[in-house]
Amino acid sequence: MTNDTSRPRGEGGEYVEEITPEDALAVFTDNEPLTAKEVAEELGVVRRTAYNKLDKLKERGDLRKKKVGSRAVVWWRPE
């Protein structure tokens, strides 16, 4: 396992959040649903990071999600 010395850390040694849920929310500029992969590509992060931010936004009520296939999920802003 390698240490990532390029990422900033907080006082307690934890990694500092570089992409916020608000950054992910800003990707939704129209009413079109998006996948976590599409959001990740737009933000320049891995899909898992985007998924975590999208999930936080869903918990807050800022986004909704729907499973549309065996593994596919889409996210959108509620009206």
PDB file of N, CA and C in Angstrom:
ATOM      1  N   MET A   1       0.856  -1.185   0.000  1.00  0.00           N
ATOM      2  CA  MET A   1       0.000   0.000   0.000  1.00  0.00           C
ATOM      3  C   MET A   1       0.894   1.238   0.000  1.00  0.00           C
ATOM      4  N   THR A   2       0.561   2.209  -0.840  1.00  0.00           N
ATOM      5  CA  THR A   2       1.363   3.427  -0.915  1.00  0.00           C
ATOM      6  C   THR A   2       0.624   4.578  -0.260  1.00  0.00           C
ATOM      7  N   ASN A   3       1.394   5.509   0.262  1.00  0.00           N
ATOM      8  CA  ASN A   3       0.815   6.714   0.841  1.00  0.00           C
ATOM      9  C   ASN A   3       0.690   7.779  -0.228  1.00  0.00           C
ATOM     10  N   ASP A   4      -0.420   8.475  -0.231  1.00  0.00           N
ATOM     11  CA  ASP A   4      -0.628   9.563  -1.189  1.00  0.00           C
ATOM     12  C   ASP A   4      -0.207  10.859  -0.510  1.00  0.00           C
ATOM     13  N   THR A   5       1.014  11.285  -0.753  1.00  0.00           N
ATOM     14  CA  THR A   5       1.525  12.485  -0.106  1.00  0.00           C
ATOM     15  C   THR A   5       1.080  13.755  -0.811  1.00  0.00           C
ATOM     16  N   SER A   6       0.420  13.630  -1.965  1.00  0.00           N
ATOM     17  CA  SER A   6       0.001  14.812  -2.711  1.00  0.00           C
ATOM     18  C   SER A   6      -1.334  15.363  -2.216  1.00  0.00           C
ATOM     19  N   ARG A   7      -2.092  14.562  -1.461  1.00  0.00           N
ATOM     20  CA  ARG A   7      -3.394  15.018  -0.971  1.00  0.00           C
ATOM     21  C   ARG A   7      -3.226  15.737   0.363  1.00  0.00           C
ATOM     22  N   PRO A   8      -3.871  16.889   0.528  1.00  0.00           N
ATOM     23  CA  PRO A   8      -3.765  17.605   1.803  1.00  0.00           C
ATOM     24  C   PRO A   8      -4.486  16.860   2.927  1.00  0.00           C
ATOM     25  N   ARG A   9      -3.931  16.993   4.124  1.00  0.00           N
ATOM     26  CA  ARG A   9      -4.515  16.355   5.302  1.00  0.00           C
ATOM     27  C   ARG A   9      -4.856  17.424   6.346  1.00  0.00           C
ATOM     28  N   GLY A  10      -5.881  17.116   7.135  1.00  0.00           N
ATOM     29  CA  GLY A  10      -6.284  17.995   8.225  1.00  0.00           C
ATOM     30  C   GLY A  10      -5.392  17.814   9.436  1.00  0.00           C
ATOM     31  N   GLU A  11      -5.702  18.528  10.516  1.00  0.00           N
ATOM     32  CA  GLU A  11      -4.893  18.471  11.733  1.00  0.00           C
ATOM     33  C   GLU A  11      -4.854  17.080  12.339  1.00  0.00           C
ATOM     34  N   GLY A  12      -5.914  16.303  12.194  1.00  0.00           N
ATOM     35  CA  GLY A  12      -5.966  14.955  12.739  1.00  0.00           C
ATOM     36  C   GLY A  12      -5.385  13.906  11.821  1.00  0.00           C
ATOM     37  N   GLY A  13      -4.831  14.308  10.674  1.00  0.00           N
ATOM     38  CA  GLY A  13      -4.231  13.371   9.746  1.00  0.00           C
ATOM     39  C   GLY A  13      -5.186  12.864   8.674  1.00  0.00           C
ATOM     40  N   GLU A  14      -6.475  13.190   8.779  1.00  0.00           N
ATOM     41  CA  GLU A  14      -7.458  12.739   7.801  1.00  0.00           C
ATOM     42  C   GLU A  14      -7.329  13.551   6.517  1.00  0.00           C
ATOM     43  N   TYR A  15      -7.699  12.925   5.407  1.00  0.00           N
ATOM     44  CA  TYR A  15      -7.658  13.641   4.138  1.00  0.00           C
ATOM     45  C   TYR A  15      -8.691  14.755   4.137  1.00  0.00           C
ATOM     46  N   VAL A  16      -8.327  15.890   3.568  1.00  0.00           N
ATOM     47  CA  VAL A  16      -9.221  17.032   3.428  1.00  0.00           C
ATOM     48  C   VAL A  16     -10.095  16.803   2.201  1.00  0.00           C
ATOM     49  N   GLU A  17     -11.387  17.036   2.357  1.00  0.00           N
ATOM     50  CA  GLU A  17     -12.319  16.855   1.250  1.00  0.00           C
ATOM     51  C   GLU A  17     -12.024  17.867   0.148  1.00  0.00           C
ATOM     52  N   GLU A  18     -11.739  17.357  -1.058  1.00  0.00           N
ATOM     53  CA  GLU A  18     -11.424  18.233  -2.179  1.00  0.00           C
ATOM     54  C   GLU A  18     -12.646  18.498  -3.048  1.00  0.00           C
ATOM     55  N   ILE A  19     -13.537  17.523  -3.153  1.00  0.00           N
ATOM     56  CA  ILE A  19     -14.775  17.663  -3.912  1.00  0.00           C
ATOM     57  C   ILE A  19     -15.924  17.626  -2.907  1.00  0.00           C
ATOM     58  N   THR A  20     -16.734  18.643  -2.918  1.00  0.00           N
ATOM     59  CA  THR A  20     -17.846  18.716  -1.973  1.00  0.00           C
ATOM     60  C   THR A  20     -19.132  18.207  -2.625  1.00  0.00           C
ATOM     61  N   PRO A  21     -20.130  17.889  -1.810  1.00  0.00           N
ATOM     62  CA  PRO A  21     -21.426  17.547  -2.388  1.00  0.00           C
ATOM     63  C   PRO A  21     -21.973  18.668  -3.281  1.00  0.00           C
ATOM     64  N   GLU A  22     -21.695  19.903  -2.917  1.00  0.00           N
ATOM     65  CA  GLU A  22     -22.164  21.035  -3.725  1.00  0.00           C
ATOM     66  C   GLU A  22     -21.515  21.050  -5.098  1.00  0.00           C
ATOM     67  N   ASP A  23     -20.255  20.617  -5.170  1.00  0.00           N
ATOM     68  CA  ASP A  23     -19.586  20.495  -6.472  1.00  0.00           C
ATOM     69  C   ASP A  23     -20.326  19.492  -7.349  1.00  0.00           C
ATOM     70  N   ALA A  24     -20.720  18.372  -6.743  1.00  0.00           N
ATOM     71  CA  ALA A  24     -21.458  17.347  -7.495  1.00  0.00           C
ATOM     72  C   ALA A  24     -22.832  17.864  -7.900  1.00  0.00           C
ATOM     73  N   LEU A  25     -23.501  18.579  -7.024  1.00  0.00           N
ATOM     74  CA  LEU A  25     -24.823  19.113  -7.336  1.00  0.00           C
ATOM     75  C   LEU A  25     -24.765  20.107  -8.492  1.00  0.00           C
ATOM     76  N   ALA A  26     -23.690  20.853  -8.575  1.00  0.00           N
ATOM     77  CA  ALA A  26     -23.534  21.853  -9.632  1.00  0.00           C
ATOM     78  C   ALA A  26     -23.442  21.231 -11.026  1.00  0.00           C
ATOM     79  N   VAL A  27     -23.153  19.941 -11.108  1.00  0.00           N
ATOM     80  CA  VAL A  27     -23.072  19.252 -12.403  1.00  0.00           C
ATOM     81  C   VAL A  27     -24.463  19.119 -13.030  1.00  0.00           C
ATOM     82  N   PHE A  28     -25.504  19.109 -12.203  1.00  0.00           N
ATOM     83  CA  PHE A  28     -26.873  18.932 -12.687  1.00  0.00           C
ATOM     84  C   PHE A  28     -27.424  20.290 -13.137  1.00  0.00           C
ATOM     85  N   THR A  29     -27.170  20.631 -14.404  1.00  0.00           N
ATOM     86  CA  THR A  29     -27.558  21.947 -14.913  1.00  0.00           C
ATOM     87  C   THR A  29     -28.894  21.950 -15.633  1.00  0.00           C
ATOM     88  N   ASP A  30     -29.425  20.765 -15.924  1.00  0.00           N
ATOM     89  CA  ASP A  30     -30.745  20.694 -16.557  1.00  0.00           C
ATOM     90  C   ASP A  30     -31.518  19.545 -15.909  1.00  0.00           C
ATOM     91  N   ASN A  31     -32.626  19.176 -16.472  1.00  0.00           N
ATOM     92  CA  ASN A  31     -33.473  18.142 -15.880  1.00  0.00           C
ATOM     93  C   ASN A  31     -33.084  16.725 -16.288  1.00  0.00           C
ATOM     94  N   GLU A  32     -31.965  16.559 -16.959  1.00  0.00           N
ATOM     95  CA  GLU A  32     -31.551  15.243 -17.429  1.00  0.00           C
ATOM     96  C   GLU A  32     -30.895  14.445 -16.299  1.00  0.00           C
ATOM     97  N   PRO A  33     -31.339  13.196 -16.082  1.00  0.00           N
ATOM     98  CA  PRO A  33     -30.683  12.353 -15.074  1.00  0.00           C
ATOM     99  C   PRO A  33     -29.260  11.994 -15.503  1.00  0.00           C
ATOM    100  N   LEU A  34     -28.390  11.801 -14.516  1.00  0.00           N
ATOM    101  CA  LEU A  34     -26.998  11.458 -14.780  1.00  0.00           C
ATOM    102  C   LEU A  34     -26.596  10.231 -13.970  1.00  0.00           C
ATOM    103  N   THR A  35     -25.594   9.532 -14.444  1.00  0.00           N
ATOM    104  CA  THR A  35     -25.016   8.425 -13.690  1.00  0.00           C
ATOM    105  C   THR A  35     -23.851   8.944 -12.849  1.00  0.00           C
ATOM    106  N   ALA A  36     -23.433   8.152 -11.873  1.00  0.00           N
ATOM    107  CA  ALA A  36     -22.270   8.526 -11.063  1.00  0.00           C
ATOM    108  C   ALA A  36     -21.027   8.630 -11.945  1.00  0.00           C
ATOM    109  N   LYS A  37     -20.935   7.781 -12.956  1.00  0.00           N
ATOM    110  CA  LYS A  37     -19.787   7.829 -13.870  1.00  0.00           C
ATOM    111  C   LYS A  37     -19.743   9.164 -14.614  1.00  0.00           C
ATOM    112  N   GLU A  38     -20.900   9.633 -15.074  1.00  0.00           N
ATOM    113  CA  GLU A  38     -20.944  10.917 -15.784  1.00  0.00           C
ATOM    114  C   GLU A  38     -20.548  12.065 -14.866  1.00  0.00           C
ATOM    115  N   VAL A  39     -21.021  12.032 -13.630  1.00  0.00           N
ATOM    116  CA  VAL A  39     -20.668  13.075 -12.660  1.00  0.00           C
ATOM    117  C   VAL A  39     -19.171  13.003 -12.363  1.00  0.00           C
ATOM    118  N   ALA A  40     -18.653  11.795 -12.190  1.00  0.00           N
ATOM    119  CA  ALA A  40     -17.227  11.614 -11.916  1.00  0.00           C
ATOM    120  C   ALA A  40     -16.375  12.183 -13.045  1.00  0.00           C
ATOM    121  N   GLU A  41     -16.758  11.909 -14.277  1.00  0.00           N
ATOM    122  CA  GLU A  41     -16.008  12.419 -15.424  1.00  0.00           C
ATOM    123  C   GLU A  41     -16.029  13.942 -15.460  1.00  0.00           C
ATOM    124  N   GLU A  42     -17.170  14.522 -15.161  1.00  0.00           N
ATOM    125  CA  GLU A  42     -17.289  15.986 -15.158  1.00  0.00           C
ATOM    126  C   GLU A  42     -16.418  16.623 -14.071  1.00  0.00           C
ATOM    127  N   LEU A  43     -16.330  15.960 -12.916  1.00  0.00           N
ATOM    128  CA  LEU A  43     -15.565  16.502 -11.791  1.00  0.00           C
ATOM    129  C   LEU A  43     -14.100  16.092 -11.799  1.00  0.00           C
ATOM    130  N   GLY A  44     -13.747  15.103 -12.632  1.00  0.00           N
ATOM    131  CA  GLY A  44     -12.363  14.631 -12.673  1.00  0.00           C
ATOM    132  C   GLY A  44     -11.985  13.797 -11.461  1.00  0.00           C
ATOM    133  N   VAL A  45     -12.934  12.997 -10.967  1.00  0.00           N
ATOM    134  CA  VAL A  45     -12.691  12.120  -9.821  1.00  0.00           C
ATOM    135  C   VAL A  45     -13.089  10.692 -10.201  1.00  0.00           C
ATOM    136  N   VAL A  46     -12.798   9.740  -9.311  1.00  0.00           N
ATOM    137  CA  VAL A  46     -13.209   8.361  -9.553  1.00  0.00           C
ATOM    138  C   VAL A  46     -14.710   8.229  -9.285  1.00  0.00           C
ATOM    139  N   ARG A  47     -15.313   7.207  -9.874  1.00  0.00           N
ATOM    140  CA  ARG A  47     -16.756   7.002  -9.754  1.00  0.00           C
ATOM    141  C   ARG A  47     -17.192   6.853  -8.293  1.00  0.00           C
ATOM    142  N   ARG A  48     -16.407   6.173  -7.480  1.00  0.00           N
ATOM    143  CA  ARG A  48     -16.782   5.954  -6.074  1.00  0.00           C
ATOM    144  C   ARG A  48     -16.878   7.278  -5.315  1.00  0.00           C
ATOM    145  N   THR A  49     -15.975   8.192  -5.577  1.00  0.00           N
ATOM    146  CA  THR A  49     -16.023   9.503  -4.930  1.00  0.00           C
ATOM    147  C   THR A  49     -17.294  10.238  -5.327  1.00  0.00           C
ATOM    148  N   ALA A  50     -17.605  10.225  -6.609  1.00  0.00           N
ATOM    149  CA  ALA A  50     -18.837  10.871  -7.083  1.00  0.00           C
ATOM    150  C   ALA A  50     -20.058  10.217  -6.443  1.00  0.00           C
ATOM    151  N   TYR A  51     -20.080   8.885  -6.396  1.00  0.00           N
ATOM    152  CA  TYR A  51     -21.212   8.167  -5.808  1.00  0.00           C
ATOM    153  C   TYR A  51     -21.412   8.578  -4.347  1.00  0.00           C
ATOM    154  N   ASN A  52     -20.333   8.683  -3.587  1.00  0.00           N
ATOM    155  CA  ASN A  52     -20.442   9.084  -2.180  1.00  0.00           C
ATOM    156  C   ASN A  52     -21.051  10.473  -2.042  1.00  0.00           C
ATOM    157  N   LYS A  53     -20.632  11.404  -2.886  1.00  0.00           N
ATOM    158  CA  LYS A  53     -21.189  12.762  -2.840  1.00  0.00           C
ATOM    159  C   LYS A  53     -22.665  12.751  -3.246  1.00  0.00           C
ATOM    160  N   LEU A  54     -22.998  11.993  -4.291  1.00  0.00           N
ATOM    161  CA  LEU A  54     -24.385  11.903  -4.743  1.00  0.00           C
ATOM    162  C   LEU A  54     -25.266  11.293  -3.659  1.00  0.00           C
ATOM    163  N   ASP A  55     -24.742  10.305  -2.964  1.00  0.00           N
ATOM    164  CA  ASP A  55     -25.511   9.667  -1.898  1.00  0.00           C
ATOM    165  C   ASP A  55     -25.787  10.653  -0.751  1.00  0.00           C
ATOM    166  N   LYS A  56     -24.805  11.487  -0.419  1.00  0.00           N
ATOM    167  CA  LYS A  56     -25.017  12.523   0.601  1.00  0.00           C
ATOM    168  C   LYS A  56     -26.113  13.492   0.156  1.00  0.00           C
ATOM    169  N   LEU A  57     -26.080  13.863  -1.114  1.00  0.00           N
ATOM    170  CA  LEU A  57     -27.092  14.780  -1.643  1.00  0.00           C
ATOM    171  C   LEU A  57     -28.476  14.139  -1.607  1.00  0.00           C
ATOM    172  N   LYS A  58     -28.559  12.853  -1.847  1.00  0.00           N
ATOM    173  CA  LYS A  58     -29.840  12.143  -1.760  1.00  0.00           C
ATOM    174  C   LYS A  58     -30.351  12.151  -0.324  1.00  0.00           C
ATOM    175  N   GLU A  59     -29.467  11.881   0.625  1.00  0.00           N
ATOM    176  CA  GLU A  59     -29.847  11.888   2.043  1.00  0.00           C
ATOM    177  C   GLU A  59     -30.369  13.253   2.473  1.00  0.00           C
ATOM    178  N   ARG A  60     -29.799  14.314   1.925  1.00  0.00           N
ATOM    179  CA  ARG A  60     -30.239  15.682   2.251  1.00  0.00           C
ATOM    180  C   ARG A  60     -31.512  16.076   1.524  1.00  0.00           C
ATOM    181  N   GLY A  61     -31.917  15.287   0.522  1.00  0.00           N
ATOM    182  CA  GLY A  61     -33.108  15.616  -0.251  1.00  0.00           C
ATOM    183  C   GLY A  61     -32.843  16.479  -1.466  1.00  0.00           C
ATOM    184  N   ASP A  62     -31.565  16.721  -1.772  1.00  0.00           N
ATOM    185  CA  ASP A  62     -31.214  17.547  -2.930  1.00  0.00           C
ATOM    186  C   ASP A  62     -31.264  16.770  -4.241  1.00  0.00           C
ATOM    187  N   LEU A  63     -31.147  15.436  -4.175  1.00  0.00           N
ATOM    188  CA  LEU A  63     -31.206  14.587  -5.359  1.00  0.00           C
ATOM    189  C   LEU A  63     -32.102  13.390  -5.083  1.00  0.00           C
ATOM    190  N   ARG A  64     -32.556  12.790  -6.159  1.00  0.00           N
ATOM    191  CA  ARG A  64     -33.269  11.515  -6.089  1.00  0.00           C
ATOM    192  C   ARG A  64     -32.501  10.534  -6.944  1.00  0.00           C
ATOM    193  N   LYS A  65     -32.701   9.234  -6.683  1.00  0.00           N
ATOM    194  CA  LYS A  65     -32.032   8.228  -7.495  1.00  0.00           C
ATOM    195  C   LYS A  65     -32.989   7.090  -7.783  1.00  0.00           C
ATOM    196  N   LYS A  66     -32.691   6.384  -8.893  1.00  0.00           N
ATOM    197  CA  LYS A  66     -33.508   5.259  -9.306  1.00  0.00           C
ATOM    198  C   LYS A  66     -32.611   4.223  -9.967  1.00  0.00           C
ATOM    199  N   LYS A  67     -32.831   2.980  -9.589  1.00  0.00           N
ATOM    200  CA  LYS A  67     -32.132   1.871 -10.227  1.00  0.00           C
ATOM    201  C   LYS A  67     -32.832   1.587 -11.549  1.00  0.00           C
ATOM    202  N   VAL A  68     -32.073   1.580 -12.652  1.00  0.00           N
ATOM    203  CA  VAL A  68     -32.672   1.427 -13.978  1.00  0.00           C
ATOM    204  C   VAL A  68     -32.181   0.184 -14.712  1.00  0.00           C
ATOM    205  N   GLY A  69     -31.460  -0.645 -14.055  1.00  0.00           N
ATOM    206  CA  GLY A  69     -30.947  -1.885 -14.643  1.00  0.00           C
ATOM    207  C   GLY A  69     -30.424  -2.756 -13.530  1.00  0.00           C
ATOM    208  N   SER A  70     -29.757  -3.823 -13.894  1.00  0.00           N
ATOM    209  CA  SER A  70     -29.256  -4.722 -12.860  1.00  0.00           C
ATOM    210  C   SER A  70     -28.259  -4.027 -11.937  1.00  0.00           C
ATOM    211  N   ARG A  71     -27.468  -3.096 -12.482  1.00  0.00           N
ATOM    212  CA  ARG A  71     -26.505  -2.342 -11.667  1.00  0.00           C
ATOM    213  C   ARG A  71     -26.529  -0.850 -11.942  1.00  0.00           C
ATOM    214  N   ALA A  72     -27.305  -0.413 -12.897  1.00  0.00           N
ATOM    215  CA  ALA A  72     -27.305   0.996 -13.296  1.00  0.00           C
ATOM    216  C   ALA A  72     -28.226   1.826 -12.401  1.00  0.00           C
ATOM    217  N   VAL A  73     -27.734   3.001 -12.020  1.00  0.00           N
ATOM    218  CA  VAL A  73     -28.490   3.937 -11.194  1.00  0.00           C
ATOM    219  C   VAL A  73     -28.380   5.313 -11.834  1.00  0.00           C
ATOM    220  N   VAL A  74     -29.483   6.041 -11.870  1.00  0.00           N
ATOM    221  CA  VAL A  74     -29.452   7.433 -12.339  1.00  0.00           C
ATOM    222  C   VAL A  74     -29.862   8.343 -11.195  1.00  0.00           C
ATOM    223  N   TRP A  75     -29.356   9.566 -11.240  1.00  0.00           N
ATOM    224  CA  TRP A  75     -29.592  10.591 -10.220  1.00  0.00           C
ATOM    225  C   TRP A  75     -30.168  11.813 -10.908  1.00  0.00           C
ATOM    226  N   TRP A  76     -31.058  12.553 -10.239  1.00  0.00           N
ATOM    227  CA  TRP A  76     -31.604  13.791 -10.788  1.00  0.00           C
ATOM    228  C   TRP A  76     -32.062  14.698  -9.666  1.00  0.00           C
ATOM    229  N   ARG A  77     -32.185  15.979 -10.028  1.00  0.00           N
ATOM    230  CA  ARG A  77     -32.700  16.975  -9.069  1.00  0.00           C
ATOM    231  C   ARG A  77     -34.215  16.938  -9.086  1.00  0.00           C
ATOM    232  N   PRO A  78     -34.845  16.821  -7.930  1.00  0.00           N
ATOM    233  CA  PRO A  78     -36.309  16.869  -7.906  1.00  0.00           C
ATOM    234  C   PRO A  78     -36.795  18.265  -8.261  1.00  0.00           C
ATOM    235  N   GLU A  79     -37.993  18.338  -8.766  1.00  0.00           N
ATOM    236  CA  GLU A  79     -38.574  19.642  -9.159  1.00  0.00           C
ATOM    237  C   GLU A  79     -38.882  20.483  -7.944  1.00  0.00           C
TER     238      GLU A  79
END
